[in-house]
Protein backbone atom coordinates (compact mmCIF):
# COMPACT_ATOMS: atom_id res chain seq x y z
CA UNK A 1 0.64 59.88 -34.49
CA UNK A 2 1.26 56.61 -36.42
CA UNK A 3 5.09 56.69 -36.04
CA UNK A 4 4.38 56.76 -32.47
CA UNK A 5 2.21 53.71 -32.50
CA UNK A 6 4.62 51.31 -34.31
CA UNK A 7 6.91 52.55 -31.27
CA UNK A 8 4.97 51.66 -28.49
CA UNK A 9 4.26 48.32 -30.13
CA UNK A 10 7.74 47.88 -30.83
CA UNK A 11 8.51 48.39 -27.32
CA UNK A 12 5.47 46.69 -26.21
CA UNK A 13 6.95 43.62 -28.06
CA UNK A 14 10.53 43.87 -26.70
CA UNK A 15 9.40 43.83 -23.13
CA UNK A 16 7.10 40.64 -24.03
CA UNK A 17 9.89 39.45 -25.10
CA UNK A 18 12.39 40.07 -21.94
CA UNK A 19 9.57 38.66 -19.94
CA UNK A 20 9.76 35.38 -21.93
CA UNK A 21 13.26 34.70 -21.44
CA UNK A 22 13.29 36.01 -17.97
CA UNK A 23 10.86 33.03 -17.80
CA UNK A 24 12.68 30.87 -19.32
CA UNK A 25 15.69 31.40 -18.03
CA UNK A 26 14.30 30.60 -14.92
CA UNK A 27 12.28 28.07 -16.24
CA UNK A 28 15.35 25.91 -17.56
CA UNK A 29 18.05 27.20 -15.24
CA UNK A 30 16.29 25.10 -12.29
CA UNK A 31 12.83 26.88 -11.50
CA UNK A 32 11.09 23.45 -13.37
CA UNK A 33 12.93 21.11 -11.72
CA UNK A 34 12.51 22.88 -8.35
CA UNK A 35 8.60 22.99 -9.13
CA UNK A 36 8.21 19.67 -10.28
CA UNK A 37 10.35 18.62 -7.18
CA UNK A 38 7.98 20.19 -4.61
CA UNK A 39 5.11 18.93 -6.29
CA UNK A 40 6.94 15.19 -5.79
CA UNK A 41 7.64 15.59 -2.37
CA UNK A 42 4.12 16.94 -1.40
CA UNK A 43 2.35 14.32 -3.53
CA UNK A 44 4.23 11.31 -1.94
CA UNK A 45 3.26 9.40 1.42
CA UNK A 46 -0.37 10.05 0.92
CA UNK A 47 0.93 13.76 1.41
CA UNK A 48 2.44 13.75 5.20
CA UNK A 49 6.32 14.46 4.05
CA UNK A 50 6.91 18.00 5.42
CA UNK A 51 8.53 19.85 2.12
CA UNK A 52 10.27 21.86 3.76
CA UNK A 53 12.35 19.15 6.03
CA UNK A 54 12.70 16.81 2.51
CA UNK A 55 14.52 19.94 0.76
CA UNK A 56 16.90 21.07 3.80
CA UNK A 57 17.94 17.53 3.27
CA UNK A 58 17.69 16.51 -0.28
CA UNK A 59 17.50 20.10 -1.86
CA UNK A 60 14.32 21.00 -4.26
CA UNK A 61 16.38 19.78 -7.94
CA UNK A 62 16.97 17.21 -9.32
CA UNK A 63 14.37 14.95 -7.52
CA UNK A 64 12.74 11.71 -8.37
CA UNK A 65 10.06 9.56 -6.57
CA UNK A 66 10.81 5.82 -5.49
CA UNK A 67 8.29 3.08 -5.06
CA UNK A 68 4.95 4.55 -3.75
CA UNK A 69 2.37 2.53 -1.74
CA UNK A 70 -0.60 3.10 0.65
CA UNK A 71 -2.51 0.10 2.41
CA UNK A 72 -4.77 -0.46 5.24
CA UNK A 73 -5.62 2.23 8.20
CA UNK A 74 -5.02 3.07 11.81
CA UNK A 75 -8.57 1.98 12.37
CA UNK A 76 -8.91 -0.96 9.84
CA UNK A 77 -9.59 -4.27 12.23
CA UNK A 78 -8.02 -6.57 9.46
CA UNK A 79 -5.31 -5.19 7.18
CA UNK A 80 -2.64 -2.72 9.15
CA UNK A 81 -1.66 0.81 8.00
CA UNK A 82 1.64 0.86 6.11
CA UNK A 83 2.41 3.48 3.37
CA UNK A 84 5.75 3.91 2.66
CA UNK A 85 7.37 6.58 -0.68
CA UNK A 86 10.43 6.95 -1.74
CA UNK A 87 12.75 9.81 -3.27
CA UNK A 88 15.78 9.57 -4.96
CA UNK A 89 18.83 13.24 -5.63
CA UNK A 90 20.47 12.41 -9.01
CA UNK A 91 24.17 14.19 -8.97
CA UNK A 92 24.12 17.76 -9.54
CA UNK A 93 27.34 19.55 -9.86
CA UNK A 94 25.73 23.01 -9.97
CA UNK A 95 24.11 22.52 -6.49
CA UNK A 96 27.25 23.34 -4.30
CA UNK A 97 25.29 22.41 -1.34
CA UNK A 98 23.56 19.30 -1.96
CA UNK A 99 25.95 17.69 -5.04
CA UNK A 100 25.85 14.08 -4.86
CA UNK A 101 23.56 11.33 -5.17
CA UNK A 102 21.46 10.43 -2.11
CA UNK A 103 18.13 8.59 -1.51
CA UNK A 104 15.29 8.70 0.91
CA UNK A 105 12.98 5.95 2.37
CA UNK A 106 9.87 6.59 4.73
CA UNK A 107 7.84 4.39 5.82
CA UNK A 108 4.82 4.76 8.47
CA UNK A 109 3.22 1.85 9.85
CA UNK A 110 0.17 1.29 11.87
CA UNK A 111 1.44 -0.47 14.88
CA UNK A 112 0.69 -3.89 16.23
CA UNK A 113 0.29 -5.33 12.79
CA UNK A 114 -2.79 -6.63 12.41
CA UNK A 115 -2.26 -9.24 8.71
CA UNK A 116 1.17 -10.68 10.11
CA UNK A 117 0.14 -14.04 8.11
CA UNK A 118 -0.01 -11.86 4.85
CA UNK A 119 3.32 -10.53 6.04
CA UNK A 120 5.58 -13.80 5.93
CA UNK A 121 8.71 -13.72 4.79
CA UNK A 122 8.98 -9.94 5.36
CA UNK A 123 9.61 -8.06 8.42
CA UNK A 124 6.95 -6.23 9.72
CA UNK A 125 9.03 -3.19 10.38
CA UNK A 126 12.06 -1.60 9.17
CA UNK A 127 14.93 -2.27 10.99
CA UNK A 128 17.40 0.20 12.97
CA UNK A 129 20.60 -1.02 11.86
CA UNK A 130 23.92 0.62 13.76
CA UNK A 131 27.21 -1.19 15.05
CA UNK A 132 27.20 0.62 18.23
CA UNK A 133 24.35 1.85 19.77
CA UNK A 134 21.88 4.54 18.58
CA UNK A 135 20.60 7.61 20.54
CA UNK A 136 17.44 8.44 21.55
CA UNK A 137 15.73 11.17 20.22
CA UNK A 138 15.31 13.02 23.09
CA UNK A 139 12.84 16.59 23.50
CA UNK A 140 9.69 15.21 24.19
CA UNK A 141 9.49 12.04 21.20
CA UNK A 142 9.47 8.46 21.83
CA UNK A 143 12.69 7.40 19.01
CA UNK A 144 15.93 6.86 18.18
CA UNK A 145 18.76 8.30 15.87
CA UNK A 146 21.52 6.06 14.28
CA UNK A 147 24.25 6.38 11.69
CA UNK A 148 26.99 4.48 9.81
CA UNK A 149 29.63 5.15 7.25
CA UNK A 150 30.29 2.67 4.58
CA UNK A 151 32.32 2.78 1.80
CA UNK A 152 32.08 6.80 1.41
CA UNK A 153 28.58 7.06 2.16
CA UNK A 154 26.96 8.08 4.89
CA UNK A 155 23.54 6.36 6.36
CA UNK A 156 21.35 7.53 8.80
CA UNK A 157 17.74 6.28 10.53
CA UNK A 158 15.58 7.93 12.46
CA UNK A 159 12.47 5.94 14.03
CA UNK A 160 9.71 7.67 15.73
CA UNK A 161 6.98 6.03 17.43
CA UNK A 162 3.70 7.69 18.57
CA UNK A 163 1.50 6.59 21.09
CA UNK A 164 -2.39 7.02 19.65
CA UNK A 165 -5.35 8.08 21.74
CA UNK A 166 -6.73 4.85 22.81
CA UNK A 167 -8.27 1.95 20.41
CA UNK A 168 -6.58 3.08 17.15
CA UNK A 169 -3.25 1.80 17.50
CA UNK A 170 0.33 3.29 17.19
CA UNK A 171 2.24 4.87 14.40
CA UNK A 172 5.77 3.86 13.86
CA UNK A 173 7.63 6.64 11.36
CA UNK A 174 11.02 5.21 9.96
CA UNK A 175 13.13 7.42 7.63
CA UNK A 176 16.55 6.19 6.34
CA UNK A 177 18.45 8.72 4.37
CA UNK A 178 21.66 7.02 2.11
CA UNK A 179 23.90 9.37 0.05
CA UNK A 180 27.43 10.64 -0.71
CA UNK A 181 28.41 14.33 -0.19
CA UNK A 182 25.44 15.40 1.78
CA UNK A 183 25.43 19.10 2.73
CA UNK A 184 28.73 20.68 2.92
CA UNK A 185 30.07 16.62 2.74
CA UNK A 186 30.74 16.74 6.33
CA UNK A 187 30.85 13.72 8.41
CA UNK A 188 27.53 12.56 10.20
CA UNK A 189 28.95 14.03 13.41
CA UNK A 190 27.92 17.53 11.97
CA UNK A 191 24.94 18.40 14.60
CA UNK A 192 23.29 20.56 11.70
CA UNK A 193 23.09 17.91 9.27
CA UNK A 194 21.72 15.22 12.12
CA UNK A 195 18.92 17.65 13.38
CA UNK A 196 18.15 18.01 9.54
CA UNK A 197 17.71 14.41 8.97
CA UNK A 198 15.95 13.91 12.23
CA UNK A 199 13.47 17.25 11.36
CA UNK A 200 12.12 15.04 8.44
CA UNK A 201 10.95 11.75 11.04
CA UNK A 202 9.16 14.30 13.39
CA UNK A 203 7.77 16.27 10.69
CA UNK A 204 5.80 13.33 9.21
CA UNK A 205 5.07 11.99 12.61
CA UNK A 206 3.43 14.84 13.13
CA UNK A 207 1.65 15.36 10.15
CA UNK A 208 0.65 11.21 9.55
CA UNK A 209 -0.87 11.77 13.47
CA UNK A 210 -3.09 14.25 11.66
CA UNK A 211 -3.78 12.91 8.61
CA UNK A 212 -4.51 9.33 10.52
CA UNK A 213 -6.61 11.08 13.75
CA UNK A 214 -3.96 9.34 16.01
CA UNK A 215 -4.23 12.46 18.39
CA UNK A 216 -0.95 11.55 20.02
CA UNK A 217 1.24 13.49 22.05
CA UNK A 218 3.87 15.58 19.99
CA UNK A 219 7.38 16.57 20.85
CA UNK A 220 9.38 19.70 19.91
CA UNK A 221 10.90 19.94 16.20
CA UNK A 222 14.44 18.61 17.16
CA UNK A 223 16.85 21.74 18.04
CA UNK A 224 19.53 19.34 18.33
CA UNK A 225 20.28 15.38 17.74
CA UNK A 226 22.33 12.91 20.30
CA UNK A 227 25.75 11.71 18.33
CA UNK A 228 24.95 7.76 18.38
CA UNK A 229 28.17 5.88 20.64
CA UNK A 230 31.72 5.79 18.32
CA UNK A 231 33.77 3.13 18.63
CA UNK A 232 36.34 5.56 20.98
CA UNK A 233 33.12 6.19 23.06
CA UNK A 234 33.53 3.47 25.75
CA UNK A 235 33.69 3.65 29.26
CA UNK A 236 34.53 1.71 32.13
CA UNK A 237 31.60 -0.68 33.42
CA UNK A 238 31.65 1.35 36.92
CA UNK A 239 30.88 4.91 35.45
CA UNK A 240 28.19 3.51 32.96
CA UNK A 241 24.75 6.12 33.50
CA UNK A 242 22.85 4.73 30.75
CA UNK A 243 21.75 1.78 29.15
CA UNK A 244 24.98 -0.09 31.00
CA UNK A 245 24.37 1.17 34.35
CA UNK A 246 24.47 -1.59 36.52
CA UNK A 247 26.07 -3.92 34.63
CA UNK A 248 29.77 -5.15 36.22
CA UNK A 249 32.90 -6.25 34.39
CA UNK A 250 34.46 -9.48 34.23
CA UNK A 251 38.02 -9.31 33.67
CA UNK A 252 39.17 -8.18 30.73
CA UNK A 253 36.90 -9.62 28.83
CA UNK A 254 34.12 -7.14 29.61
CA UNK A 255 36.11 -4.11 30.99
CA UNK A 256 34.85 -1.14 28.77
CA UNK A 257 31.15 -1.09 27.63
CA UNK A 258 29.39 0.95 25.15
CA UNK A 259 25.74 2.38 25.69
CA UNK A 260 22.61 4.03 24.66
CA UNK A 261 22.10 7.57 26.39
CA UNK A 262 19.03 7.89 29.20
CA UNK A 263 15.91 8.84 27.35
CA UNK A 264 12.19 7.19 26.16
CA UNK A 265 13.28 4.98 23.00
CA UNK A 266 11.78 1.59 21.38
CA UNK A 267 15.05 0.14 21.53
CA UNK A 268 17.94 0.18 23.99
CA UNK A 269 21.61 -1.03 23.70
CA UNK A 270 24.93 -2.15 25.60
CA UNK A 271 27.41 -3.17 23.85
CA UNK A 272 30.04 -5.36 26.25
CA UNK A 273 33.36 -5.97 24.88
CA UNK A 274 37.49 -5.66 25.53
CA UNK A 275 40.47 -4.21 24.04
CA UNK A 276 40.15 -6.62 21.61
CA UNK A 277 36.52 -6.00 20.49
CA UNK A 278 33.14 -6.23 21.43
CA UNK A 279 32.06 -9.79 22.87
CA UNK A 280 28.17 -9.51 23.03
CA UNK A 281 25.21 -7.12 23.06
CA UNK A 282 22.25 -6.53 25.81
CA UNK A 283 19.08 -5.55 23.45
CA UNK A 284 15.75 -3.82 24.88
CA UNK A 285 12.79 -3.76 22.28
CA UNK A 286 9.60 -2.14 22.80
CA UNK A 287 6.31 -2.33 21.25
CA UNK A 288 7.18 -2.31 17.39
CA UNK A 289 10.56 -3.66 17.81
CA UNK A 290 9.83 -6.22 20.41
CA UNK A 291 6.48 -7.57 18.25
CA UNK A 292 9.13 -7.60 14.74
CA UNK A 293 11.76 -9.87 17.13
CA UNK A 294 8.66 -12.43 18.26
CA UNK A 295 7.91 -12.47 14.28
CA UNK A 296 11.25 -12.47 12.70
CA UNK A 297 12.17 -15.85 15.27
CA UNK A 298 9.55 -17.55 13.80
CA UNK A 299 10.74 -16.87 10.28
CA UNK A 300 13.72 -18.12 11.04
CA UNK A 301 13.02 -21.02 12.78
CA UNK A 302 10.01 -22.47 11.76
CA UNK A 303 8.34 -21.87 15.04
CA UNK A 304 6.60 -19.59 17.18
CA UNK A 305 9.18 -17.19 19.22
CA UNK A 306 8.88 -19.09 23.01
CA UNK A 307 7.08 -16.56 24.55
CA UNK A 308 4.29 -16.73 22.33
CA UNK A 309 3.48 -20.18 24.32
CA UNK A 310 3.50 -18.21 27.96
CA UNK A 311 7.53 -18.73 28.53
CA UNK A 312 8.73 -15.59 30.16
CA UNK A 313 12.16 -16.12 29.28
CA UNK A 314 15.00 -18.77 28.51
CA UNK A 315 17.42 -19.34 25.55
CA UNK A 316 16.79 -19.07 21.78
CA UNK A 317 17.90 -21.94 19.52
CA UNK A 318 20.70 -19.80 18.18
CA UNK A 319 22.03 -19.82 21.79
CA UNK A 320 20.99 -16.30 23.04
CA UNK A 321 19.65 -15.31 25.96
CA UNK A 322 16.01 -13.44 26.44
CA UNK A 323 13.96 -12.40 28.93
CA UNK A 324 10.46 -10.61 29.32
CA UNK A 325 8.31 -8.06 30.75
CA UNK A 326 4.78 -6.84 31.08
CA UNK A 327 4.32 -3.34 29.95
CA UNK A 328 1.37 -0.97 29.56
CA UNK A 329 -0.53 -0.67 26.38
CA UNK A 330 -1.53 -3.36 24.21
CA UNK A 331 1.66 -3.82 22.44
CA UNK A 332 2.57 -7.45 24.01
CA UNK A 333 5.72 -7.77 26.40
CA UNK A 334 8.61 -5.78 25.97
CA UNK A 335 11.69 -8.04 25.07
CA UNK A 336 15.38 -8.24 26.21
CA UNK A 337 17.66 -10.00 24.96
CA UNK A 338 22.14 -11.08 24.90
CA UNK A 339 23.61 -11.91 21.91
CA UNK A 340 27.03 -12.85 21.56
CA UNK A 341 26.93 -14.55 25.31
CA UNK A 342 25.58 -18.11 23.84
CA UNK A 343 24.64 -21.06 25.96
CA UNK A 344 28.07 -23.56 25.20
CA UNK A 345 28.17 -26.67 27.15
CA UNK A 346 31.13 -27.38 26.41
CA UNK A 347 32.58 -23.94 28.10
CA UNK A 348 35.06 -24.56 30.54
CA UNK A 349 32.58 -23.74 33.14
CA UNK A 350 29.36 -22.31 34.43
CA UNK A 351 31.13 -18.76 35.45
CA UNK A 352 30.08 -17.90 31.79
CA UNK A 353 27.02 -18.71 31.75
CA UNK A 354 26.56 -17.05 35.25
CA UNK A 355 27.56 -14.14 34.16
CA UNK A 356 25.33 -13.98 30.86
CA UNK A 357 22.67 -14.18 33.02
CA UNK A 358 23.62 -11.25 35.68
CA UNK A 359 24.31 -8.82 33.36
CA UNK A 360 20.70 -10.02 31.79
CA UNK A 361 19.18 -9.31 34.76
CA UNK A 362 20.51 -5.68 35.72
CA UNK A 363 19.82 -4.54 32.30
CA UNK A 364 16.53 -5.70 31.50
CA UNK A 365 15.58 -4.52 35.32
CA UNK A 366 16.72 -0.83 34.67
CA UNK A 367 15.22 -0.50 31.46
CA UNK A 368 11.78 -2.06 32.47
CA UNK A 369 11.16 -0.15 35.40
CA UNK A 370 12.46 3.03 33.15
CA UNK A 371 9.62 2.53 30.73
CA UNK A 372 7.12 1.96 33.24
CA UNK A 373 6.99 -2.08 32.80
CA UNK A 374 6.72 -4.96 35.70
CA UNK A 375 9.62 -6.38 36.89
CA UNK A 376 10.63 -8.83 33.78
CA UNK A 377 10.98 -12.36 34.54
CA UNK A 378 13.99 -13.79 36.00
CA UNK A 379 16.83 -15.08 33.09
CA UNK A 380 17.37 -18.49 32.79
CA UNK A 381 18.95 -20.88 30.77
CA UNK A 382 15.83 -22.91 29.64
CA UNK A 383 15.15 -23.97 26.24
CA UNK A 384 11.79 -23.89 24.61
CA UNK A 385 10.07 -26.94 24.33
């Protein structure tokens, strides 16, 4: 029986070796990377990141954690909630779906900001930058999707604003992704890519609502995301149906417009221009974005935004026209502005000023009504005292 025992022992040892070898292949062939990446995503941003959605954008190998901070709470009385985290993906030639470098930055903000004096010399909320108007997210979400390209890199920013239960403030979730060769290296007009990016923000918002007892009404997981406006997607003013609806043309100076689509969003834009390019931009800002604009204006000029002292419309120091409207909730008045149509006493006539005030009035009234706000103050050319 001894030979049989030796054979059995030898077979068992061989089987164990095969198991160890297979485990080693999996471990060193990417299994450890995937395990480590899954743990990294789960731990980031106070645990509100959606692992599956993040992996759909970044993959699950070669991920590294960036800066992760957390302060305040949604029901605090002195320090607002602000949670930030970053995840970076290194280039991986063996990952056919996600080969290039990429970074994802996620921020969860309580709205409004309570400790504004402690945040001097910085913006209160992450910016949503786009050359032309961003697209409303839709599908039950108050948010926007913006994108752009630069030097071979693709950039996408999704913001979602949650209206929390009374007495708790609101939540703003912002997800910014930047990188090279995302997914199949197709441009950002790929609807699958836009949807994957946006789902990170909406799923994070849903997790954040539960995590901090926001109890907001949530939208549906995006099935598709509207394409933001491109340079060749202008319309003549008379055909505008979104943010530029009702805005009139003005000779060759303004004979085409680029507009945000219709839908609830905390940012709306209408860009005016002609064959020689864009001339001016109309912007509507609600909630955190109006609050942030007032804060930034004070930081830039060293004095409060005119609306802080009760002025309801006028001209800023840099010559931009603005007006405001009272809206439901405790987020302060909405702000509407026209940049690029500067108030300039050296202009040939007052026609430029009259046109600027007219289009701002039309734009602000349409936007305020769509958001359930009171009628905006009539735009004026009055400077702050």
